[in-house]
N, C-alpha and C. Protein backbone atom coordinates (compact mmCIF):
# COMPACT_ATOMS: atom_id res chain seq x y z
N MET A 1 118.22 124.32 114.75
CA MET A 1 118.75 123.05 113.91
C MET A 1 119.58 123.60 112.85
N PHE A 2 120.26 122.86 112.35
CA PHE A 2 121.30 123.09 111.16
C PHE A 2 120.63 123.29 109.87
N PHE A 3 119.71 122.12 109.73
CA PHE A 3 118.97 121.98 108.14
C PHE A 3 117.47 122.30 108.39
N GLN A 4 117.01 123.39 109.41
CA GLN A 4 115.60 123.36 109.66
C GLN A 4 114.84 123.67 108.28
N LYS A 5 115.60 124.76 107.34
CA LYS A 5 114.71 125.04 106.03
C LYS A 5 114.39 123.70 105.22
N LYS A 6 115.46 122.99 105.12
CA LYS A 6 115.56 121.77 104.20
C LYS A 6 114.54 120.91 104.81
N LEU A 7 114.59 120.52 106.01
CA LEU A 7 113.81 119.59 106.54
C LEU A 7 112.14 120.05 106.51
N LYS A 8 111.95 120.98 106.79
CA LYS A 8 110.77 121.78 106.50
C LYS A 8 110.06 121.47 105.10
N ARG A 9 111.04 121.64 104.28
CA ARG A 9 110.79 121.54 102.72
C ARG A 9 110.34 120.41 102.38
N VAL A 10 110.99 119.26 102.92
CA VAL A 10 110.90 117.75 102.58
C VAL A 10 109.67 117.39 103.01
N LEU A 11 109.41 117.67 104.60
CA LEU A 11 108.27 117.43 105.06
C LEU A 11 106.79 117.95 104.54
N THR A 12 107.09 119.30 103.88
CA THR A 12 105.85 119.62 103.23
C THR A 12 105.49 119.19 102.03
N ASP A 13 106.70 118.90 101.12
CA ASP A 13 106.78 118.15 100.01
C ASP A 13 106.04 116.60 100.15
N GLN A 14 106.54 116.01 101.00
CA GLN A 14 106.02 114.66 101.34
C GLN A 14 104.49 114.62 101.55
N LYS A 15 104.06 115.65 102.63
CA LYS A 15 102.58 116.01 102.72
C LYS A 15 101.85 116.01 101.52
N LYS A 16 102.24 116.88 100.66
CA LYS A 16 101.63 117.13 99.27
C LYS A 16 101.87 115.92 98.49
N ALA A 17 102.73 115.13 98.60
CA ALA A 17 102.80 113.93 97.73
C ALA A 17 101.74 112.78 98.28
N GLU A 18 101.54 112.94 99.62
CA GLU A 18 100.67 112.08 100.09
C GLU A 18 99.26 112.47 99.93
N GLU A 19 99.06 113.47 99.88
CA GLU A 19 97.74 114.18 99.58
C GLU A 19 97.35 113.85 97.89
N ARG A 20 98.42 113.92 97.05
CA ARG A 20 98.19 113.38 95.61
C ARG A 20 97.91 112.34 95.39
N PHE A 21 98.48 111.33 96.22
CA PHE A 21 98.48 109.82 96.11
C PHE A 21 97.03 109.53 96.80
N ALA A 22 96.65 110.01 97.92
CA ALA A 22 94.91 109.89 98.40
C ALA A 22 94.14 110.11 97.06
N LYS A 23 94.40 111.51 96.55
CA LYS A 23 93.32 111.97 95.57
C LYS A 23 93.50 110.81 94.49
N THR A 24 94.73 110.51 94.06
CA THR A 24 94.93 109.61 92.78
C THR A 24 94.13 108.33 93.22
N LEU A 25 94.22 107.94 94.54
CA LEU A 25 93.51 106.51 94.73
C LEU A 25 92.12 106.65 95.06
N GLU A 26 91.49 107.58 95.28
CA GLU A 26 90.05 107.94 95.23
C GLU A 26 89.59 107.97 93.70
N GLU A 27 90.32 108.47 92.82
CA GLU A 27 89.86 108.61 91.88
C GLU A 27 90.07 106.99 90.88
N ALA A 28 90.84 106.57 91.17
CA ALA A 28 91.02 105.24 90.37
C ALA A 28 91.46 104.20 91.62
N PRO A 29 90.35 103.38 92.18
CA PRO A 29 90.68 102.56 93.04
C PRO A 29 91.25 101.30 92.56
N PRO A 30 92.13 100.54 93.44
CA PRO A 30 92.66 99.51 92.76
C PRO A 30 91.60 98.26 92.27
N GLU A 31 91.84 97.54 91.27
CA GLU A 31 90.86 96.61 90.78
C GLU A 31 91.07 95.49 91.55
N LYS A 32 90.11 94.32 91.01
CA LYS A 32 90.06 93.26 92.06
C LYS A 32 91.55 92.49 91.68
N GLY A 33 92.20 92.16 90.88
CA GLY A 33 93.23 91.27 90.63
C GLY A 33 94.78 92.02 90.67
N ASP A 34 94.44 93.38 91.13
CA ASP A 34 95.85 94.22 91.50
C ASP A 34 96.63 93.92 92.53
N ARG A 35 96.28 93.27 93.77
CA ARG A 35 96.97 92.83 94.62
C ARG A 35 97.86 91.57 94.11
N LEU A 36 96.99 90.81 93.47
CA LEU A 36 97.54 89.50 93.05
C LEU A 36 98.84 89.73 92.25
N ALA A 37 98.71 90.66 91.37
CA ALA A 37 99.72 91.18 90.39
C ALA A 37 100.64 91.63 91.00
N MET A 38 100.60 92.50 92.01
CA MET A 38 101.62 93.12 92.49
C MET A 38 102.64 92.10 93.48
N ILE A 39 101.85 91.09 94.04
CA ILE A 39 102.62 89.98 94.75
C ILE A 39 103.48 89.16 93.78
N LEU A 40 102.76 88.89 92.81
CA LEU A 40 103.65 88.00 91.60
C LEU A 40 104.71 88.76 91.24
N ALA A 41 104.46 90.21 90.93
CA ALA A 41 105.64 91.01 90.37
C ALA A 41 106.81 91.01 91.36
N ALA A 42 106.59 91.14 92.61
CA ALA A 42 107.58 91.19 93.71
C ALA A 42 108.18 89.93 93.54
N LEU A 43 107.52 88.86 93.46
CA LEU A 43 108.26 87.44 93.82
C LEU A 43 109.01 87.35 92.27
N ILE A 44 108.67 87.59 91.45
CA ILE A 44 109.46 87.63 90.21
C ILE A 44 110.80 88.54 90.22
N VAL A 45 110.62 89.52 90.85
CA VAL A 45 111.92 90.49 91.06
C VAL A 45 112.86 89.81 92.35
N PHE A 46 112.10 89.57 93.21
CA PHE A 46 113.03 89.13 94.57
C PHE A 46 113.64 87.68 94.51
N ILE A 47 112.94 86.91 94.05
CA ILE A 47 113.36 85.39 94.30
C ILE A 47 114.51 85.09 93.46
N PRO A 48 114.76 85.56 92.33
CA PRO A 48 116.22 85.41 91.42
C PRO A 48 117.04 86.21 92.25
N ALA A 49 116.92 87.64 92.52
CA ALA A 49 117.82 88.07 93.51
C ALA A 49 118.49 87.34 94.70
N LEU A 50 117.49 87.05 95.44
CA LEU A 50 117.72 85.99 96.51
C LEU A 50 118.69 84.93 96.35
N LEU A 51 118.24 84.09 95.17
CA LEU A 51 118.88 82.96 94.74
C LEU A 51 120.25 83.39 94.46
N VAL A 52 120.53 84.60 93.88
CA VAL A 52 121.90 84.96 93.44
C VAL A 52 122.76 85.06 94.95
N VAL A 53 122.16 85.90 95.75
CA VAL A 53 122.63 86.21 97.11
C VAL A 53 122.86 84.63 97.63
N PHE A 54 122.04 83.83 97.95
CA PHE A 54 122.42 82.40 98.42
C PHE A 54 123.58 81.81 97.90
N ALA A 55 123.31 81.86 96.48
CA ALA A 55 124.53 81.15 95.68
C ALA A 55 125.84 81.75 95.90
N VAL A 56 125.99 83.00 95.89
CA VAL A 56 127.35 83.62 96.35
C VAL A 56 127.71 83.16 97.80
N PHE A 57 126.54 83.16 98.95
CA PHE A 57 126.99 83.12 100.00
C PHE A 57 127.37 81.25 100.22
N GLY A 58 126.75 80.49 99.56
CA GLY A 58 127.46 79.14 99.56
C GLY A 58 128.29 79.00 99.02
N PHE A 59 129.05 79.61 97.82
CA PHE A 59 130.28 79.47 97.51
C PHE A 59 131.24 79.98 98.31
N VAL A 60 131.12 81.14 99.04
CA VAL A 60 131.89 81.62 99.83
C VAL A 60 132.13 80.54 101.06
N VAL A 61 130.96 79.87 101.47
CA VAL A 61 131.10 79.01 102.56
C VAL A 61 131.80 77.75 102.29
N TYR A 62 131.53 77.34 100.77
CA TYR A 62 132.35 76.08 100.17
C TYR A 62 133.73 76.30 100.32
N PHE A 63 134.00 77.63 99.58
CA PHE A 63 135.52 77.88 99.30
C PHE A 63 136.26 78.02 100.81
N PHE A 64 135.59 78.46 101.92
CA PHE A 64 136.35 78.92 102.89
C PHE A 64 136.37 77.76 104.06
N PHE A 65 135.46 76.84 103.86
CA PHE A 65 135.29 75.93 104.94
C PHE A 65 134.93 74.39 104.43
N LEU A 66 134.39 74.40 103.40
CA LEU A 66 134.15 72.83 102.86
C LEU A 66 135.11 72.29 101.82
N ARG A 67 135.90 73.10 101.10
CA ARG A 67 136.82 72.77 100.12
C ARG A 67 137.69 71.59 100.67
N HIS A 68 138.04 71.64 101.76
CA HIS A 68 139.11 70.59 102.22
C HIS A 68 138.56 69.26 102.59
N ILE A 69 137.39 69.20 102.74
CA ILE A 69 136.30 67.97 103.21
C ILE A 69 136.22 67.31 101.83
N PHE A 70 135.83 67.94 100.76
CA PHE A 70 135.64 67.17 99.70
C PHE A 70 136.54 67.00 98.84
């Protein structure tokens, strides 16, 4: 393979990172409200971005197809 050495390096680094993550998770397990906090944070980040995307899509549809009707 062309990139065998790089691929091997990436895979071993990923295994080490997974081991470090598992060790950290064992040392400090998630608390009771962490899951709710992560869900709320994701909603705060993704909902405005989705609204902007839908608004842009709506304006494109309006200007290309519905402008002549109204």
